[in-house]
Amino acid sequence: MAYVSSNRSATLSFGDRIAEIRKDLSDAWRAYRVYRHTLAELQALSPRELADLGLNPTTLRSVALEAAYGKQV
């Protein structure tokens, strides 16, 4: 049986924890901006341009999510 245990907060100082939280929030905000920008650009394309790219209007959100977060939906 395998398990993972993490106790990072016990080894980090308060200032380091705040810095880590700030970095995580910054990374999340940056990824969200990429998602919004990608989705807006894809939604601005005409149906013909989307077809040329092999995309369907119903898949635009999943393409933008994959571009921003690296996840396939």
Protein backbone atom coordinates (compact mmCIF):
# COMPACT_ATOMS: atom_id res chain seq x y z
CA MET A 1 0.00 0.00 0.00
CA ALA A 2 1.37 3.38 -0.96
CA TYR A 3 0.45 6.78 0.36
CA VAL A 4 1.73 10.32 0.16
CA SER A 5 2.03 12.62 3.11
CA SER A 6 2.90 16.29 2.87
CA ASN A 7 3.60 18.65 5.73
CA ARG A 8 5.06 21.65 3.93
CA SER A 9 3.56 24.30 6.18
CA ALA A 10 5.48 23.04 9.21
CA THR A 11 8.81 23.67 7.52
CA LEU A 12 8.00 27.06 5.98
CA SER A 13 7.97 30.35 7.79
CA PHE A 14 4.88 32.54 7.81
CA GLY A 15 6.39 34.87 5.23
CA ASP A 16 7.26 31.95 2.95
CA ARG A 17 3.72 30.61 3.18
CA ILE A 18 2.28 34.01 2.27
CA ALA A 19 4.69 34.24 -0.67
CA GLU A 20 3.65 30.79 -1.83
CA ILE A 21 -0.05 31.65 -1.60
CA ARG A 22 0.56 34.86 -3.52
CA LYS A 23 2.44 32.96 -6.24
CA ASP A 24 -0.35 30.36 -6.49
CA LEU A 25 -2.97 33.11 -6.83
CA SER A 26 -0.88 34.88 -9.44
CA ASP A 27 -0.49 31.66 -11.44
CA ALA A 28 -4.22 30.97 -11.24
CA TRP A 29 -5.07 34.50 -12.39
CA ARG A 30 -2.60 34.24 -15.28
CA ALA A 31 -4.14 30.94 -16.44
CA TYR A 32 -7.64 32.41 -16.19
CA ARG A 33 -6.59 35.37 -18.34
CA VAL A 34 -5.19 32.97 -20.96
CA TYR A 35 -8.50 31.09 -20.89
CA ARG A 36 -10.57 34.27 -21.34
CA HIS A 37 -8.33 35.61 -24.11
CA THR A 38 -8.28 32.30 -26.00
CA LEU A 39 -12.03 31.87 -25.73
CA ALA A 40 -12.68 35.44 -26.92
CA GLU A 41 -10.41 34.96 -29.95
CA LEU A 42 -12.03 31.65 -30.85
CA GLN A 43 -15.53 33.09 -30.49
CA ALA A 44 -14.58 35.93 -32.84
CA LEU A 45 -13.86 33.49 -35.67
CA SER A 46 -16.43 32.84 -38.36
CA PRO A 47 -17.99 29.39 -38.76
CA ARG A 48 -15.87 28.85 -41.87
CA GLU A 49 -12.65 29.72 -40.05
CA LEU A 50 -13.60 27.36 -37.23
CA ALA A 51 -14.30 24.60 -39.76
CA ASP A 52 -10.89 25.22 -41.35
CA LEU A 53 -9.32 24.67 -37.93
CA GLY A 54 -11.39 21.54 -37.40
CA LEU A 55 -13.32 23.10 -34.53
CA ASN A 56 -16.98 23.12 -33.71
CA PRO A 57 -18.57 26.08 -31.85
CA THR A 58 -19.60 23.69 -29.06
CA THR A 59 -15.97 22.72 -28.38
CA LEU A 60 -14.54 26.21 -27.98
CA ARG A 61 -14.68 26.20 -24.18
CA SER A 62 -12.86 22.89 -23.93
CA VAL A 63 -10.17 24.09 -26.37
CA ALA A 64 -9.68 27.26 -24.33
CA LEU A 65 -9.52 25.24 -21.08
CA GLU A 66 -6.89 22.96 -22.57
CA ALA A 67 -4.87 25.96 -23.76
CA ALA A 68 -4.96 27.63 -20.36
CA TYR A 69 -4.83 24.73 -17.92
CA GLY A 70 -3.57 21.83 -20.00
CA LYS A 71 -6.66 19.77 -19.22
CA GLN A 72 -8.81 17.95 -21.68
CA VAL A 73 -12.52 18.02 -20.97
